[in-house]
Amino acid sequence: MEPLPSTFVTKQESNKRAQWFNDYKYPILNILTSLQEGKQENKKLDFENIKVAIDFFKLLRNSIKEGEGVRVYFASKSDDGSVKEGKCGLLTLIFNATTGANNSDVKNYYAYNGKTFDKIPEDQARAWVHKYQSVKQPGLFETLSESDRLKGNRETKHIWFSFAQMDQTIKEMEYQVSKPGSRVTGFGIRFVSYTDQDYWFPKPEPLKYERRQRLTIAFTFINDKKEDIGIEDLDGDEFNERLRLTVNRFIGDTFDTGIPAPPPSDTREELDLEI
């Protein structure tokens, strides 16, 4: 039996992050999207088929190695897929593998199509990222912590996942779907936010970076009723044993789902606006 994956977040913390997003981030995003698109803002992106999700994550993982990873850009696109002047579009994500010492974009960009992520041209990916960074990212400034606002820090632009995080997430998906009578049918990505509290799992360890109140994402399984279902809900007894192993064999940072930027760096990545 394996410890919990490095992307695991407790159910209690996941609920807090979803609520923080709903209370503070979503109302601002929804006003912008409603005014400019006549649509309600996105809260989630779903893979209805878990095997499709596994195949996509494997595609990304197989294009990187230890020390490299995957960058996930926050982006906005119009409902018809175009980028219209003066419109910011619906909140979405663009995945891209990173390579080399500086983890530069491989420039194979994948955007959500309603069921999975398809490769899109670089100029289209850049336009969608710029829409988010020029309209939605500034709009979220007031939702950041007082410390961030006083320092002039901005909302999250993108999140970086290590090879290990991607690999462990895939293995968890494969493990859960392989069980006899598995209730897992899909995989979801949720827009959430860090809260105003530090989160320690499985035991206190000094945080390397402040993450309070910043936009991020969360992974979840989906059952045949189209409901989110966590590892703890799938098998409580097994979960408790895996939790014990995780605590006893603590193997690293298992408290979040990627490294948001900013922080730890505010460097300009390939698709970022030039500021």
Protein backbone atom coordinates (compact mmCIF):
# COMPACT_ATOMS: atom_id res chain seq x y z
CA MET A 1 0.00 0.00 0.00
CA GLU A 2 1.31 3.42 -0.98
CA PRO A 3 1.23 6.72 0.94
CA LEU A 4 -1.16 9.40 -0.30
CA PRO A 5 -0.05 11.21 -3.48
CA SER A 6 1.89 14.46 -3.14
CA THR A 7 -1.07 16.39 -4.56
CA PHE A 8 -3.38 15.20 -1.77
CA VAL A 9 -5.28 17.85 0.21
CA THR A 10 -7.61 16.93 3.06
CA LYS A 11 -11.36 17.07 2.47
CA GLN A 12 -11.75 19.75 5.14
CA GLU A 13 -9.10 21.95 3.52
CA SER A 14 -10.49 21.33 0.02
CA ASN A 15 -13.92 22.50 1.16
CA LYS A 16 -12.40 25.62 2.73
CA ARG A 17 -10.56 26.46 -0.48
CA ALA A 18 -13.66 25.99 -2.61
CA GLN A 19 -15.67 28.18 -0.23
CA TRP A 20 -12.99 30.88 -0.22
CA PHE A 21 -13.05 30.97 -4.02
CA ASN A 22 -16.87 31.09 -4.05
CA ASP A 23 -17.00 33.89 -1.48
CA TYR A 24 -14.18 36.16 -2.66
CA LYS A 25 -12.90 35.30 -6.15
CA TYR A 26 -15.97 34.05 -7.98
CA PRO A 27 -18.25 37.11 -7.48
CA ILE A 28 -15.67 39.41 -9.12
CA LEU A 29 -14.92 36.98 -11.95
CA ASN A 30 -18.61 36.34 -12.51
CA ILE A 31 -19.43 40.05 -12.81
CA LEU A 32 -16.73 40.50 -15.45
CA THR A 33 -17.83 37.44 -17.41
CA SER A 34 -21.54 38.22 -17.13
CA LEU A 35 -21.04 41.78 -18.37
CA GLN A 36 -18.70 40.90 -21.21
CA GLU A 37 -19.91 37.46 -22.26
CA GLY A 38 -23.46 37.22 -20.96
CA LYS A 39 -22.44 33.95 -19.31
CA GLN A 40 -21.84 32.70 -15.80
CA GLU A 41 -18.18 32.20 -14.88
CA ASN A 42 -16.60 28.74 -14.90
CA LYS A 43 -15.99 26.99 -11.59
CA LYS A 44 -14.67 23.69 -12.95
CA LEU A 45 -13.38 21.72 -15.93
CA ASP A 46 -14.44 18.06 -16.08
CA PHE A 47 -13.13 14.94 -17.75
CA GLU A 48 -16.31 12.86 -17.90
CA ASN A 49 -14.20 9.77 -18.69
CA ILE A 50 -11.43 8.95 -16.22
CA LYS A 51 -9.47 7.04 -18.87
CA VAL A 52 -9.42 10.13 -21.08
CA ALA A 53 -8.01 12.09 -18.13
CA ILE A 54 -5.34 9.45 -17.55
CA ASP A 55 -4.34 9.50 -21.22
CA PHE A 56 -3.99 13.30 -21.20
CA PHE A 57 -1.94 13.42 -18.02
CA LYS A 58 0.27 10.62 -19.37
CA LEU A 59 0.81 12.61 -22.57
CA LEU A 60 2.20 15.44 -20.45
CA ARG A 61 4.20 13.26 -18.08
CA ASN A 62 5.80 11.26 -20.90
CA SER A 63 7.16 14.45 -22.44
CA ILE A 64 9.14 15.41 -19.30
CA LYS A 65 11.66 13.88 -16.91
CA GLU A 66 12.83 14.36 -13.33
CA GLY A 67 13.50 18.03 -12.64
CA GLU A 68 11.07 19.15 -15.34
CA GLY A 69 7.33 19.64 -15.05
CA VAL A 70 4.07 21.05 -16.33
CA ARG A 71 2.99 24.70 -16.30
CA VAL A 72 -0.74 25.43 -16.12
CA TYR A 73 -1.67 28.95 -17.24
CA PHE A 74 -4.87 30.66 -16.17
CA ALA A 75 -6.57 31.93 -19.31
CA SER A 76 -9.82 33.40 -20.64
CA LYS A 77 -11.59 32.68 -23.90
CA SER A 78 -14.85 33.79 -25.48
CA ASP A 79 -17.61 31.21 -25.43
CA ASP A 80 -17.34 30.65 -29.18
CA GLY A 81 -13.60 30.08 -28.89
CA SER A 82 -12.62 33.42 -30.37
CA VAL A 83 -10.87 36.30 -28.68
CA LYS A 84 -12.96 39.42 -29.11
CA GLU A 85 -11.75 42.93 -28.49
CA GLY A 86 -13.00 44.22 -25.16
CA LYS A 87 -14.13 40.80 -23.92
CA CYS A 88 -12.28 38.75 -21.37
CA GLY A 89 -14.02 35.39 -21.86
CA LEU A 90 -14.62 32.44 -19.55
CA LEU A 91 -11.98 31.35 -17.06
CA THR A 92 -10.09 28.30 -18.32
CA LEU A 93 -6.67 26.61 -18.21
CA ILE A 94 -3.87 25.91 -20.68
CA PHE A 95 -1.46 23.03 -19.95
CA ASN A 96 2.10 22.89 -21.26
CA ALA A 97 5.17 20.78 -20.46
CA THR A 98 8.34 22.58 -19.34
CA THR A 99 11.93 21.56 -19.88
CA GLY A 100 15.53 22.52 -19.21
CA ALA A 101 17.23 24.18 -16.25
CA ASN A 102 14.78 27.09 -16.32
CA ASN A 103 11.72 24.94 -17.05
CA SER A 104 10.92 26.81 -20.24
CA ASP A 105 7.72 26.06 -22.14
CA VAL A 106 7.95 23.21 -24.64
CA LYS A 107 5.31 25.20 -26.57
CA ASN A 108 2.85 22.36 -27.01
CA TYR A 109 -0.20 24.12 -25.56
CA TYR A 110 -3.39 22.24 -24.61
CA ALA A 111 -6.75 23.91 -23.95
CA TYR A 112 -10.00 22.46 -22.60
CA ASN A 113 -12.58 21.51 -25.27
CA GLY A 114 -15.45 20.46 -22.99
CA LYS A 115 -14.30 16.86 -22.56
CA THR A 116 -10.50 16.88 -22.53
CA PHE A 117 -7.61 19.15 -23.56
CA ASP A 118 -6.67 19.61 -27.24
CA LYS A 119 -3.52 21.11 -28.69
CA ILE A 120 -4.00 24.70 -29.86
CA PRO A 121 -1.75 27.14 -31.75
CA GLU A 122 0.71 29.17 -29.70
CA ASP A 123 -0.74 32.52 -30.79
CA GLN A 124 -4.21 31.46 -29.67
CA ALA A 125 -2.89 30.26 -26.31
CA ARG A 126 -1.06 33.57 -25.84
CA ALA A 127 -4.16 35.62 -26.68
CA TRP A 128 -6.27 33.72 -24.13
CA VAL A 129 -3.61 34.08 -21.41
CA HIS A 130 -3.30 37.81 -22.14
CA LYS A 131 -7.07 38.21 -21.75
CA TYR A 132 -6.87 36.74 -18.27
CA GLN A 133 -3.76 38.67 -17.27
CA SER A 134 -5.01 42.02 -18.61
CA VAL A 135 -8.61 41.88 -17.32
CA LYS A 136 -9.28 39.17 -14.73
CA GLN A 137 -5.95 39.04 -12.90
CA PRO A 138 -6.01 42.80 -12.05
CA GLY A 139 -9.65 42.52 -11.01
CA LEU A 140 -8.71 39.99 -8.33
CA PHE A 141 -6.10 42.23 -6.67
CA GLU A 142 -8.47 43.25 -3.86
CA THR A 143 -9.01 39.57 -2.95
CA LEU A 144 -5.35 39.03 -2.08
CA SER A 145 -3.98 39.12 1.45
CA GLU A 146 -3.10 42.48 2.98
CA SER A 147 0.56 41.47 2.90
CA ASP A 148 0.43 40.83 -0.85
CA ARG A 149 -1.44 44.05 -1.56
CA LEU A 150 1.01 46.14 0.46
CA LYS A 151 3.91 44.56 -1.41
CA GLY A 152 2.20 45.14 -4.77
CA ASN A 153 2.04 41.40 -5.52
CA ARG A 154 -0.45 40.21 -8.12
CA GLU A 155 -2.87 37.34 -8.42
CA THR A 156 -1.66 33.92 -9.63
CA LYS A 157 -0.68 33.78 -13.30
CA HIS A 158 0.13 30.09 -13.59
CA ILE A 159 0.92 27.01 -11.52
CA TRP A 160 3.83 24.61 -11.92
CA PHE A 161 3.65 20.86 -11.22
CA SER A 162 6.76 18.74 -10.84
CA PHE A 163 7.33 15.44 -12.63
CA ALA A 164 6.73 13.63 -9.31
CA GLN A 165 3.42 15.39 -8.74
CA MET A 166 2.22 14.52 -12.23
CA ASP A 167 3.40 10.92 -11.93
CA GLN A 168 1.78 10.36 -8.53
CA THR A 169 -1.50 11.90 -9.69
CA ILE A 170 -1.59 9.52 -12.66
CA LYS A 171 -0.80 6.51 -10.48
CA GLU A 172 -3.60 7.47 -8.09
CA MET A 173 -6.06 7.74 -10.99
CA GLU A 174 -4.99 4.35 -12.35
CA TYR A 175 -5.16 2.76 -8.91
CA GLN A 176 -8.63 4.02 -8.07
CA VAL A 177 -10.17 3.12 -11.43
CA SER A 178 -8.62 -0.39 -11.37
CA LYS A 179 -10.40 -1.43 -8.17
CA PRO A 180 -13.25 -3.96 -8.56
CA GLY A 181 -16.54 -2.07 -8.41
CA SER A 182 -14.76 1.29 -8.62
CA ARG A 183 -17.06 4.28 -8.24
CA VAL A 184 -14.68 6.54 -10.13
CA THR A 185 -15.91 7.45 -13.61
CA GLY A 186 -14.37 10.89 -14.21
CA PHE A 187 -11.80 13.42 -13.07
CA GLY A 188 -12.32 17.09 -12.26
CA ILE A 189 -10.26 20.25 -12.04
CA ARG A 190 -11.71 22.88 -9.71
CA PHE A 191 -10.95 26.59 -9.45
CA VAL A 192 -10.28 27.26 -5.77
CA SER A 193 -8.30 29.63 -3.57
CA TYR A 194 -5.89 29.31 -0.71
CA THR A 195 -7.52 30.64 2.45
CA ASP A 196 -6.25 33.13 5.02
CA GLN A 197 -4.80 30.30 7.11
CA ASP A 198 -1.65 28.21 6.77
CA TYR A 199 -2.28 24.56 5.95
CA TRP A 200 -0.05 21.84 7.43
CA PHE A 201 -0.10 18.28 6.13
CA PRO A 202 0.78 15.81 7.43
CA LYS A 203 2.80 17.66 10.09
CA PRO A 204 4.05 21.23 10.58
CA GLU A 205 6.92 22.26 8.37
CA PRO A 206 8.08 25.82 7.60
CA LEU A 207 6.39 27.15 4.48
CA LYS A 208 8.84 28.05 1.75
CA TYR A 209 6.48 30.54 0.16
CA GLU A 210 3.42 32.49 1.21
CA ARG A 211 0.30 31.35 -0.61
CA ARG A 212 -2.50 32.95 1.34
CA GLN A 213 -5.65 33.92 -0.54
CA ARG A 214 -4.23 33.24 -4.01
CA LEU A 215 -6.10 31.56 -6.85
CA THR A 216 -5.16 27.93 -7.47
CA ILE A 217 -6.74 24.67 -8.66
CA ALA A 218 -7.73 21.36 -7.10
CA PHE A 219 -8.07 17.83 -8.49
CA THR A 220 -11.00 15.56 -7.66
CA PHE A 221 -12.51 12.26 -8.71
CA ILE A 222 -16.07 12.17 -10.09
CA ASN A 223 -18.58 9.34 -9.57
CA ASP A 224 -21.35 8.06 -11.86
CA LYS A 225 -23.75 10.62 -10.36
CA LYS A 226 -21.44 13.41 -11.58
CA GLU A 227 -20.53 14.22 -7.97
CA ASP A 228 -17.07 15.03 -6.63
CA ILE A 229 -15.70 12.19 -4.53
CA GLY A 230 -12.42 12.16 -2.61
CA ILE A 231 -9.94 9.43 -1.71
CA GLU A 232 -11.29 9.33 1.85
CA ASP A 233 -14.85 8.83 0.55
CA LEU A 234 -13.86 5.94 -1.71
CA ASP A 235 -12.57 3.69 1.08
CA GLY A 236 -12.33 5.11 4.60
CA ASP A 237 -10.38 2.22 6.12
CA GLU A 238 -7.82 2.14 3.34
CA PHE A 239 -7.52 5.92 3.48
CA ASN A 240 -6.69 5.84 7.21
CA GLU A 241 -3.95 3.27 6.61
CA ARG A 242 -2.49 5.31 3.75
CA LEU A 243 -2.64 8.42 5.90
CA ARG A 244 -0.68 6.59 8.61
CA LEU A 245 1.94 5.58 6.04
CA THR A 246 2.14 9.13 4.74
CA VAL A 247 2.77 10.53 8.19
CA ASN A 248 5.25 7.81 9.17
CA ARG A 249 7.10 7.92 5.85
CA PHE A 250 6.82 11.64 5.25
CA ILE A 251 8.41 12.07 1.84
CA GLY A 252 8.06 15.74 1.04
CA ASP A 253 5.70 18.61 0.47
CA THR A 254 2.20 17.14 0.30
CA PHE A 255 0.20 20.19 1.26
CA ASP A 256 -0.79 21.74 -2.07
CA THR A 257 -1.40 21.18 -5.76
CA GLY A 258 1.50 22.87 -7.43
CA ILE A 259 3.61 26.00 -7.10
CA PRO A 260 1.71 29.20 -7.92
CA ALA A 261 3.48 32.12 -9.56
CA PRO A 262 3.66 34.63 -8.13
CA PRO A 263 5.16 33.33 -5.84
CA PRO A 264 7.78 31.91 -5.84
CA SER A 265 8.94 33.93 -8.82
CA ASP A 266 7.44 36.68 -10.88
CA THR A 267 9.55 35.98 -13.92
CA ARG A 268 7.95 36.41 -17.32
CA GLU A 269 7.11 33.04 -18.87
CA GLU A 270 6.48 32.41 -22.56
CA LEU A 271 2.78 33.33 -22.68
CA ASP A 272 2.83 36.08 -20.05
CA LEU A 273 2.04 39.71 -20.75
CA GLU A 274 5.05 41.97 -21.07
CA ILE A 275 4.81 44.27 -18.05
